[in-house]
Amino acid sequence: MLVHPSLPPLHHLPDSLPLDGAVRIELESGVPIFRASATVQNRIVMLLEKQQLEALTELEEQELDAYEEIDDYLSFVNRTIRNLAVAPNSQG
């Protein structure tokens, strides 16, 4: 499958990522914004706090890296949606 070159690649998802409820949708000025769920955010915070106190295991490092990839992906999706939502209104 061809992927758009500006689309951030997702190599894998963390095993701890819940398949249901991993992402929530919020409306900002009528535009849907995708965010990590509270469960996912709590896991990321836990990993970051642990990382400040001690070294993460290799699996935890991989998990944190995968969450970073997901965050990059959601940011890209949100930027794209915002740009599409604004574009028709700016051509007036």
PDB file of N, CA and C in Angstrom:
ATOM      1  N   MET A   1       0.846  -1.173   0.000  1.00  0.00           N
ATOM      2  CA  MET A   1       0.000   0.000   0.000  1.00  0.00           C
ATOM      3  C   MET A   1       0.893   1.239   0.000  1.00  0.00           C
ATOM      4  N   LEU A   2       0.566   2.189  -0.846  1.00  0.00           N
ATOM      5  CA  LEU A   2       1.300   3.445  -0.889  1.00  0.00           C
ATOM      6  C   LEU A   2       0.784   4.375   0.194  1.00  0.00           C
ATOM      7  N   VAL A   3       1.708   4.997   0.896  1.00  0.00           N
ATOM      8  CA  VAL A   3       1.355   5.933   1.956  1.00  0.00           C
ATOM      9  C   VAL A   3       1.823   7.311   1.527  1.00  0.00           C
ATOM     10  N   HIS A   4       0.979   8.303   1.732  1.00  0.00           N
ATOM     11  CA  HIS A   4       1.341   9.676   1.396  1.00  0.00           C
ATOM     12  C   HIS A   4       2.644  10.024   2.105  1.00  0.00           C
ATOM     13  N   PRO A   5       3.601  10.661   1.411  1.00  0.00           N
ATOM     14  CA  PRO A   5       4.918  10.918   2.006  1.00  0.00           C
ATOM     15  C   PRO A   5       4.886  11.792   3.259  1.00  0.00           C
ATOM     16  N   SER A   6       3.883  12.640   3.412  1.00  0.00           N
ATOM     17  CA  SER A   6       3.847  13.476   4.610  1.00  0.00           C
ATOM     18  C   SER A   6       3.113  12.803   5.767  1.00  0.00           C
ATOM     19  N   LEU A   7       2.544  11.631   5.528  1.00  0.00           N
ATOM     20  CA  LEU A   7       1.849  10.898   6.578  1.00  0.00           C
ATOM     21  C   LEU A   7       2.875  10.200   7.461  1.00  0.00           C
ATOM     22  N   PRO A   8       2.869  10.476   8.772  1.00  0.00           N
ATOM     23  CA  PRO A   8       3.854   9.830   9.643  1.00  0.00           C
ATOM     24  C   PRO A   8       3.658   8.313   9.632  1.00  0.00           C
ATOM     25  N   PRO A   9       4.727   7.565   9.517  1.00  0.00           N
ATOM     26  CA  PRO A   9       4.579   6.104   9.493  1.00  0.00           C
ATOM     27  C   PRO A   9       4.273   5.556  10.886  1.00  0.00           C
ATOM     28  N   LEU A  10       3.433   4.565  10.927  1.00  0.00           N
ATOM     29  CA  LEU A  10       3.181   3.817  12.160  1.00  0.00           C
ATOM     30  C   LEU A  10       3.726   2.423  11.930  1.00  0.00           C
ATOM     31  N   HIS A  11       4.740   2.054  12.691  1.00  0.00           N
ATOM     32  CA  HIS A  11       5.374   0.761  12.486  1.00  0.00           C
ATOM     33  C   HIS A  11       4.678  -0.352  13.255  1.00  0.00           C
ATOM     34  N   HIS A  12       4.185  -0.026  14.438  1.00  0.00           N
ATOM     35  CA  HIS A  12       3.414  -0.985  15.228  1.00  0.00           C
ATOM     36  C   HIS A  12       2.711  -0.237  16.348  1.00  0.00           C
ATOM     37  N   LEU A  13       1.742  -0.891  16.942  1.00  0.00           N
ATOM     38  CA  LEU A  13       1.024  -0.311  18.070  1.00  0.00           C
ATOM     39  C   LEU A  13       1.492  -0.999  19.347  1.00  0.00           C
ATOM     40  N   PRO A  14       1.537  -0.267  20.453  1.00  0.00           N
ATOM     41  CA  PRO A  14       1.943  -0.898  21.709  1.00  0.00           C
ATOM     42  C   PRO A  14       0.959  -1.997  22.104  1.00  0.00           C
ATOM     43  N   ASP A  15       1.481  -3.071  22.671  1.00  0.00           N
ATOM     44  CA  ASP A  15       0.608  -4.152  23.133  1.00  0.00           C
ATOM     45  C   ASP A  15      -0.365  -3.662  24.197  1.00  0.00           C
ATOM     46  N   SER A  16       0.049  -2.648  24.957  1.00  0.00           N
ATOM     47  CA  SER A  16      -0.816  -2.144  26.028  1.00  0.00           C
ATOM     48  C   SER A  16      -1.896  -1.199  25.512  1.00  0.00           C
ATOM     49  N   LEU A  17      -1.836  -0.842  24.231  1.00  0.00           N
ATOM     50  CA  LEU A  17      -2.842   0.056  23.669  1.00  0.00           C
ATOM     51  C   LEU A  17      -4.171  -0.677  23.585  1.00  0.00           C
ATOM     52  N   PRO A  18      -5.191  -0.169  24.280  1.00  0.00           N
ATOM     53  CA  PRO A  18      -6.488  -0.848  24.187  1.00  0.00           C
ATOM     54  C   PRO A  18      -7.062  -0.695  22.782  1.00  0.00           C
ATOM     55  N   LEU A  19      -7.640  -1.759  22.278  1.00  0.00           N
ATOM     56  CA  LEU A  19      -8.219  -1.692  20.939  1.00  0.00           C
ATOM     57  C   LEU A  19      -9.503  -0.870  20.935  1.00  0.00           C
ATOM     58  N   ASP A  20     -10.199  -0.855  22.041  1.00  0.00           N
ATOM     59  CA  ASP A  20     -11.404  -0.037  22.182  1.00  0.00           C
ATOM     60  C   ASP A  20     -11.110   1.094  23.160  1.00  0.00           C
ATOM     61  N   GLY A  21     -11.517   2.279  22.807  1.00  0.00           N
ATOM     62  CA  GLY A  21     -11.382   3.400  23.726  1.00  0.00           C
ATOM     63  C   GLY A  21      -9.994   3.997  23.807  1.00  0.00           C
ATOM     64  N   ALA A  22      -9.153   3.771  22.815  1.00  0.00           N
ATOM     65  CA  ALA A  22      -7.798   4.313  22.845  1.00  0.00           C
ATOM     66  C   ALA A  22      -7.771   5.791  22.467  1.00  0.00           C
ATOM     67  N   VAL A  23      -8.761   6.198  21.681  1.00  0.00           N
ATOM     68  CA  VAL A  23      -8.807   7.572  21.180  1.00  0.00           C
ATOM     69  C   VAL A  23     -10.179   8.152  21.486  1.00  0.00           C
ATOM     70  N   ARG A  24     -10.181   9.405  21.888  1.00  0.00           N
ATOM     71  CA  ARG A  24     -11.458  10.097  22.076  1.00  0.00           C
ATOM     72  C   ARG A  24     -11.523  11.242  21.082  1.00  0.00           C
ATOM     73  N   ILE A  25     -12.727  11.669  20.781  1.00  0.00           N
ATOM     74  CA  ILE A  25     -12.933  12.762  19.833  1.00  0.00           C
ATOM     75  C   ILE A  25     -13.559  13.926  20.585  1.00  0.00           C
ATOM     76  N   GLU A  26     -12.954  15.093  20.434  1.00  0.00           N
ATOM     77  CA  GLU A  26     -13.486  16.317  21.025  1.00  0.00           C
ATOM     78  C   GLU A  26     -13.789  17.290  19.898  1.00  0.00           C
ATOM     79  N   LEU A  27     -14.730  18.166  20.132  1.00  0.00           N
ATOM     80  CA  LEU A  27     -15.028  19.210  19.155  1.00  0.00           C
ATOM     81  C   LEU A  27     -14.392  20.510  19.610  1.00  0.00           C
ATOM     82  N   GLU A  28     -13.641  21.122  18.711  1.00  0.00           N
ATOM     83  CA  GLU A  28     -13.066  22.441  18.954  1.00  0.00           C
ATOM     84  C   GLU A  28     -13.512  23.338  17.814  1.00  0.00           C
ATOM     85  N   SER A  29     -14.356  24.293  18.127  1.00  0.00           N
ATOM     86  CA  SER A  29     -14.912  25.201  17.112  1.00  0.00           C
ATOM     87  C   SER A  29     -15.572  24.428  15.979  1.00  0.00           C
ATOM     88  N   GLY A  30     -16.259  23.352  16.338  1.00  0.00           N
ATOM     89  CA  GLY A  30     -16.975  22.560  15.353  1.00  0.00           C
ATOM     90  C   GLY A  30     -16.109  21.595  14.560  1.00  0.00           C
ATOM     91  N   VAL A  31     -14.830  21.496  14.898  1.00  0.00           N
ATOM     92  CA  VAL A  31     -13.909  20.612  14.183  1.00  0.00           C
ATOM     93  C   VAL A  31     -13.555  19.437  15.104  1.00  0.00           C
ATOM     94  N   PRO A  32     -13.717  18.197  14.616  1.00  0.00           N
ATOM     95  CA  PRO A  32     -13.355  17.054  15.460  1.00  0.00           C
ATOM     96  C   PRO A  32     -11.838  16.958  15.632  1.00  0.00           C
ATOM     97  N   ILE A  33     -11.426  16.756  16.873  1.00  0.00           N
ATOM     98  CA  ILE A  33     -10.008  16.612  17.212  1.00  0.00           C
ATOM     99  C   ILE A  33      -9.838  15.264  17.909  1.00  0.00           C
ATOM    100  N   PHE A  34      -8.889  14.487  17.438  1.00  0.00           N
ATOM    101  CA  PHE A  34      -8.626  13.166  17.995  1.00  0.00           C
ATOM    102  C   PHE A  34      -7.530  13.267  19.048  1.00  0.00           C
ATOM    103  N   ARG A  35      -7.806  12.706  20.219  1.00  0.00           N
ATOM    104  CA  ARG A  35      -6.850  12.726  21.327  1.00  0.00           C
ATOM    105  C   ARG A  35      -6.762  11.330  21.943  1.00  0.00           C
ATOM    106  N   ALA A  36      -5.628  11.067  22.554  1.00  0.00           N
ATOM    107  CA  ALA A  36      -5.480   9.806  23.275  1.00  0.00           C
ATOM    108  C   ALA A  36      -6.455   9.795  24.446  1.00  0.00           C
ATOM    109  N   SER A  37      -6.992   8.627  24.739  1.00  0.00           N
ATOM    110  CA  SER A  37      -7.931   8.494  25.851  1.00  0.00           C
ATOM    111  C   SER A  37      -7.205   8.703  27.178  1.00  0.00           C
ATOM    112  N   ALA A  38      -7.969   8.883  28.228  1.00  0.00           N
ATOM    113  CA  ALA A  38      -7.387   9.059  29.562  1.00  0.00           C
ATOM    114  C   ALA A  38      -6.561   7.832  29.949  1.00  0.00           C
ATOM    115  N   THR A  39      -7.015   6.648  29.579  1.00  0.00           N
ATOM    116  CA  THR A  39      -6.277   5.418  29.887  1.00  0.00           C
ATOM    117  C   THR A  39      -4.898   5.438  29.237  1.00  0.00           C
ATOM    118  N   VAL A  40      -4.856   5.811  27.978  1.00  0.00           N
ATOM    119  CA  VAL A  40      -3.581   5.870  27.252  1.00  0.00           C
ATOM    120  C   VAL A  40      -2.702   6.977  27.828  1.00  0.00           C
ATOM    121  N   GLN A  41      -3.286   8.135  28.092  1.00  0.00           N
ATOM    122  CA  GLN A  41      -2.511   9.235  28.665  1.00  0.00           C
ATOM    123  C   GLN A  41      -1.922   8.850  30.019  1.00  0.00           C
ATOM    124  N   ASN A  42      -2.699   8.158  30.840  1.00  0.00           N
ATOM    125  CA  ASN A  42      -2.202   7.723  32.152  1.00  0.00           C
ATOM    126  C   ASN A  42      -1.023   6.768  32.004  1.00  0.00           C
ATOM    127  N   ARG A  43      -1.092   5.880  31.029  1.00  0.00           N
ATOM    128  CA  ARG A  43       0.010   4.935  30.795  1.00  0.00           C
ATOM    129  C   ARG A  43       1.266   5.686  30.359  1.00  0.00           C
ATOM    130  N   ILE A  44       1.104   6.665  29.496  1.00  0.00           N
ATOM    131  CA  ILE A  44       2.248   7.456  29.038  1.00  0.00           C
ATOM    132  C   ILE A  44       2.871   8.211  30.210  1.00  0.00           C
ATOM    133  N   VAL A  45       2.043   8.822  31.032  1.00  0.00           N
ATOM    134  CA  VAL A  45       2.541   9.549  32.208  1.00  0.00           C
ATOM    135  C   VAL A  45       3.295   8.605  33.132  1.00  0.00           C
ATOM    136  N   MET A  46       2.745   7.409  33.344  1.00  0.00           N
ATOM    137  CA  MET A  46       3.404   6.433  34.204  1.00  0.00           C
ATOM    138  C   MET A  46       4.788   6.073  33.658  1.00  0.00           C
ATOM    139  N   LEU A  47       4.868   5.858  32.355  1.00  0.00           N
ATOM    140  CA  LEU A  47       6.157   5.520  31.751  1.00  0.00           C
ATOM    141  C   LEU A  47       7.142   6.683  31.854  1.00  0.00           C
ATOM    142  N   LEU A  48       6.664   7.902  31.626  1.00  0.00           N
ATOM    143  CA  LEU A  48       7.543   9.071  31.708  1.00  0.00           C
ATOM    144  C   LEU A  48       8.032   9.301  33.137  1.00  0.00           C
ATOM    145  N   GLU A  49       7.148   9.114  34.115  1.00  0.00           N
ATOM    146  CA  GLU A  49       7.554   9.270  35.514  1.00  0.00           C
ATOM    147  C   GLU A  49       8.567   8.205  35.905  1.00  0.00           C
ATOM    148  N   LYS A  50       8.333   6.981  35.475  1.00  0.00           N
ATOM    149  CA  LYS A  50       9.278   5.910  35.771  1.00  0.00           C
ATOM    150  C   LYS A  50      10.628   6.202  35.126  1.00  0.00           C
ATOM    151  N   GLN A  51      10.589   6.733  33.900  1.00  0.00           N
ATOM    152  CA  GLN A  51      11.814   7.036  33.164  1.00  0.00           C
ATOM    153  C   GLN A  51      12.670   8.069  33.904  1.00  0.00           C
ATOM    154  N   GLN A  52      12.023   8.972  34.631  1.00  0.00           N
ATOM    155  CA  GLN A  52      12.768   9.976  35.399  1.00  0.00           C
ATOM    156  C   GLN A  52      13.428   9.375  36.633  1.00  0.00           C
ATOM    157  N   LEU A  53      12.872   8.290  37.145  1.00  0.00           N
ATOM    158  CA  LEU A  53      13.394   7.673  38.364  1.00  0.00           C
ATOM    159  C   LEU A  53      14.391   6.558  38.094  1.00  0.00           C
ATOM    160  N   GLU A  54      14.178   5.852  37.001  1.00  0.00           N
ATOM    161  CA  GLU A  54      15.023   4.702  36.685  1.00  0.00           C
ATOM    162  C   GLU A  54      14.943   4.416  35.193  1.00  0.00           C
ATOM    163  N   ALA A  55      15.815   3.562  34.757  1.00  0.00           N
ATOM    164  CA  ALA A  55      15.813   3.192  33.339  1.00  0.00           C
ATOM    165  C   ALA A  55      14.597   2.318  33.036  1.00  0.00           C
ATOM    166  N   LEU A  56      13.984   2.592  31.903  1.00  0.00           N
ATOM    167  CA  LEU A  56      12.882   1.751  31.451  1.00  0.00           C
ATOM    168  C   LEU A  56      13.446   0.458  30.877  1.00  0.00           C
ATOM    169  N   THR A  57      12.647  -0.582  30.929  1.00  0.00           N
ATOM    170  CA  THR A  57      13.049  -1.818  30.270  1.00  0.00           C
ATOM    171  C   THR A  57      13.004  -1.590  28.762  1.00  0.00           C
ATOM    172  N   GLU A  58      13.586  -2.482  28.023  1.00  0.00           N
ATOM    173  CA  GLU A  58      13.571  -2.355  26.566  1.00  0.00           C
ATOM    174  C   GLU A  58      12.135  -2.354  26.036  1.00  0.00           C
ATOM    175  N   LEU A  59      11.300  -3.202  26.617  1.00  0.00           N
ATOM    176  CA  LEU A  59       9.895  -3.249  26.190  1.00  0.00           C
ATOM    177  C   LEU A  59       9.171  -1.942  26.503  1.00  0.00           C
ATOM    178  N   GLU A  60       9.460  -1.362  27.659  1.00  0.00           N
ATOM    179  CA  GLU A  60       8.834  -0.087  28.021  1.00  0.00           C
ATOM    180  C   GLU A  60       9.309   1.034  27.094  1.00  0.00           C
ATOM    181  N   GLU A  61      10.591   1.019  26.740  1.00  0.00           N
ATOM    182  CA  GLU A  61      11.118   2.009  25.789  1.00  0.00           C
ATOM    183  C   GLU A  61      10.413   1.884  24.445  1.00  0.00           C
ATOM    184  N   GLN A  62      10.241   0.654  23.989  1.00  0.00           N
ATOM    185  CA  GLN A  62       9.547   0.418  22.722  1.00  0.00           C
ATOM    186  C   GLN A  62       8.098   0.889  22.806  1.00  0.00           C
ATOM    187  N   GLU A  63       7.475   0.627  23.938  1.00  0.00           N
ATOM    188  CA  GLU A  63       6.089   1.057  24.136  1.00  0.00           C
ATOM    189  C   GLU A  63       5.987   2.578  24.093  1.00  0.00           C
ATOM    190  N   LEU A  64       6.885   3.255  24.791  1.00  0.00           N
ATOM    191  CA  LEU A  64       6.874   4.715  24.814  1.00  0.00           C
ATOM    192  C   LEU A  64       7.145   5.277  23.416  1.00  0.00           C
ATOM    193  N   ASP A  65       8.069   4.671  22.701  1.00  0.00           N
ATOM    194  CA  ASP A  65       8.346   5.098  21.322  1.00  0.00           C
ATOM    195  C   ASP A  65       7.113   4.925  20.436  1.00  0.00           C
ATOM    196  N   ALA A  66       6.403   3.825  20.627  1.00  0.00           N
ATOM    197  CA  ALA A  66       5.201   3.576  19.823  1.00  0.00           C
ATOM    198  C   ALA A  66       4.119   4.606  20.145  1.00  0.00           C
ATOM    199  N   TYR A  67       3.994   4.974  21.416  1.00  0.00           N
ATOM    200  CA  TYR A  67       3.026   6.012  21.773  1.00  0.00           C
ATOM    201  C   TYR A  67       3.410   7.345  21.140  1.00  0.00           C
ATOM    202  N   GLU A  68       4.700   7.610  21.044  1.00  0.00           N
ATOM    203  CA  GLU A  68       5.153   8.844  20.397  1.00  0.00           C
ATOM    204  C   GLU A  68       4.777   8.838  18.914  1.00  0.00           C
ATOM    205  N   GLU A  69       4.918   7.692  18.266  1.00  0.00           N
ATOM    206  CA  GLU A  69       4.515   7.580  16.863  1.00  0.00           C
ATOM    207  C   GLU A  69       3.012   7.822  16.709  1.00  0.00           C
ATOM    208  N   ILE A  70       2.231   7.269  17.627  1.00  0.00           N
ATOM    209  CA  ILE A  70       0.782   7.468  17.578  1.00  0.00           C
ATOM    210  C   ILE A  70       0.452   8.942  17.769  1.00  0.00           C
ATOM    211  N   ASP A  71       1.153   9.597  18.691  1.00  0.00           N
ATOM    212  CA  ASP A  71       0.928  11.023  18.924  1.00  0.00           C
ATOM    213  C   ASP A  71       1.243  11.825  17.666  1.00  0.00           C
ATOM    214  N   ASP A  72       2.344  11.492  17.002  1.00  0.00           N
ATOM    215  CA  ASP A  72       2.693  12.169  15.746  1.00  0.00           C
ATOM    216  C   ASP A  72       1.592  11.962  14.706  1.00  0.00           C
ATOM    217  N   TYR A  73       1.077  10.758  14.640  1.00  0.00           N
ATOM    218  CA  TYR A  73       0.034  10.422  13.670  1.00  0.00           C
ATOM    219  C   TYR A  73      -1.245  11.203  13.965  1.00  0.00           C
ATOM    220  N   LEU A  74      -1.653  11.213  15.237  1.00  0.00           N
ATOM    221  CA  LEU A  74      -2.863  11.959  15.602  1.00  0.00           C
ATOM    222  C   LEU A  74      -2.682  13.452  15.336  1.00  0.00           C
ATOM    223  N   SER A  75      -1.495  13.971  15.595  1.00  0.00           N
ATOM    224  CA  SER A  75      -1.224  15.386  15.318  1.00  0.00           C
ATOM    225  C   SER A  75      -1.373  15.676  13.831  1.00  0.00           C
ATOM    226  N   PHE A  76      -0.854  14.780  13.003  1.00  0.00           N
ATOM    227  CA  PHE A  76      -0.979  14.947  11.555  1.00  0.00           C
ATOM    228  C   PHE A  76      -2.451  14.924  11.135  1.00  0.00           C
ATOM    229  N   VAL A  77      -3.190  13.956  11.641  1.00  0.00           N
ATOM    230  CA  VAL A  77      -4.615  13.845  11.306  1.00  0.00           C
ATOM    231  C   VAL A  77      -5.352  15.107  11.739  1.00  0.00           C
ATOM    232  N   ASN A  78      -5.078  15.575  12.949  1.00  0.00           N
ATOM    233  CA  ASN A  78      -5.754  16.770  13.453  1.00  0.00           C
ATOM    234  C   ASN A  78      -5.406  18.008  12.627  1.00  0.00           C
ATOM    235  N   ARG A  79      -4.139  18.161  12.258  1.00  0.00           N
ATOM    236  CA  ARG A  79      -3.746  19.296  11.402  1.00  0.00           C
ATOM    237  C   ARG A  79      -4.463  19.230  10.061  1.00  0.00           C
ATOM    238  N   THR A  80      -4.515  18.043   9.494  1.00  0.00           N
ATOM    239  CA  THR A  80      -5.165  17.865   8.194  1.00  0.00           C
ATOM    240  C   THR A  80      -6.648  18.216   8.282  1.00  0.00           C
ATOM    241  N   ILE A  81      -7.306  17.727   9.307  1.00  0.00           N
ATOM    242  CA  ILE A  81      -8.739  18.010   9.475  1.00  0.00           C
ATOM    243  C   ILE A  81      -8.963  19.506   9.681  1.00  0.00           C
ATOM    244  N   ARG A  82      -8.140  20.133  10.526  1.00  0.00           N
ATOM    245  CA  ARG A  82      -8.288  21.578  10.750  1.00  0.00           C
ATOM    246  C   ARG A  82      -8.078  22.354   9.456  1.00  0.00           C
ATOM    247  N   ASN A  83      -7.053  21.974   8.693  1.00  0.00           N
ATOM    248  CA  ASN A  83      -6.781  22.665   7.428  1.00  0.00           C
ATOM    249  C   ASN A  83      -7.932  22.497   6.444  1.00  0.00           C
ATOM    250  N   LEU A  84      -8.494  21.311   6.383  1.00  0.00           N
ATOM    251  CA  LEU A  84      -9.628  21.076   5.489  1.00  0.00           C
ATOM    252  C   LEU A  84     -10.860  21.850   5.945  1.00  0.00           C
ATOM    253  N   ALA A  85     -11.036  21.951   7.251  1.00  0.00           N
ATOM    254  CA  ALA A  85     -12.199  22.662   7.787  1.00  0.00           C
ATOM    255  C   ALA A  85     -12.087  24.160   7.550  1.00  0.00           C
ATOM    256  N   VAL A  86     -10.877  24.684   7.583  1.00  0.00           N
ATOM    257  CA  VAL A  86     -10.659  26.122   7.417  1.00  0.00           C
ATOM    258  C   VAL A  86     -10.608  26.504   5.942  1.00  0.00           C
ATOM    259  N   ALA A  87     -10.093  25.640   5.093  1.00  0.00           N
ATOM    260  CA  ALA A  87      -9.875  25.958   3.677  1.00  0.00           C
ATOM    261  C   ALA A  87     -11.123  26.478   2.960  1.00  0.00           C
ATOM    262  N   PRO A  88     -12.279  25.814   3.063  1.00  0.00           N
ATOM    263  CA  PRO A  88     -13.447  26.328   2.333  1.00  0.00           C
ATOM    264  C   PRO A  88     -13.876  27.709   2.819  1.00  0.00           C
ATOM    265  N   ASN A  89     -13.689  27.971   4.103  1.00  0.00           N
ATOM    266  CA  ASN A  89     -14.106  29.255   4.667  1.00  0.00           C
ATOM    267  C   ASN A  89     -13.169  30.388   4.270  1.00  0.00           C
ATOM    268  N   SER A  90     -11.920  30.068   3.948  1.00  0.00           N
ATOM    269  CA  SER A  90     -10.957  31.124   3.626  1.00  0.00           C
ATOM    270  C   SER A  90     -10.987  31.506   2.152  1.00  0.00           C
ATOM    271  N   GLN A  91     -11.747  30.784   1.345  1.00  0.00           N
ATOM    272  CA  GLN A  91     -11.818  31.087  -0.086  1.00  0.00           C
ATOM    273  C   GLN A  91     -13.119  31.821  -0.403  1.00  0.00           C
ATOM    274  N   GLY A  92     -13.313  32.935   0.185  1.00  0.00           N
ATOM    275  CA  GLY A  92     -14.581  33.601  -0.006  1.00  0.00           C
ATOM    276  C   GLY A  92     -14.527  34.824  -0.748  1.00  0.00           C
TER     277      GLY A  92
END
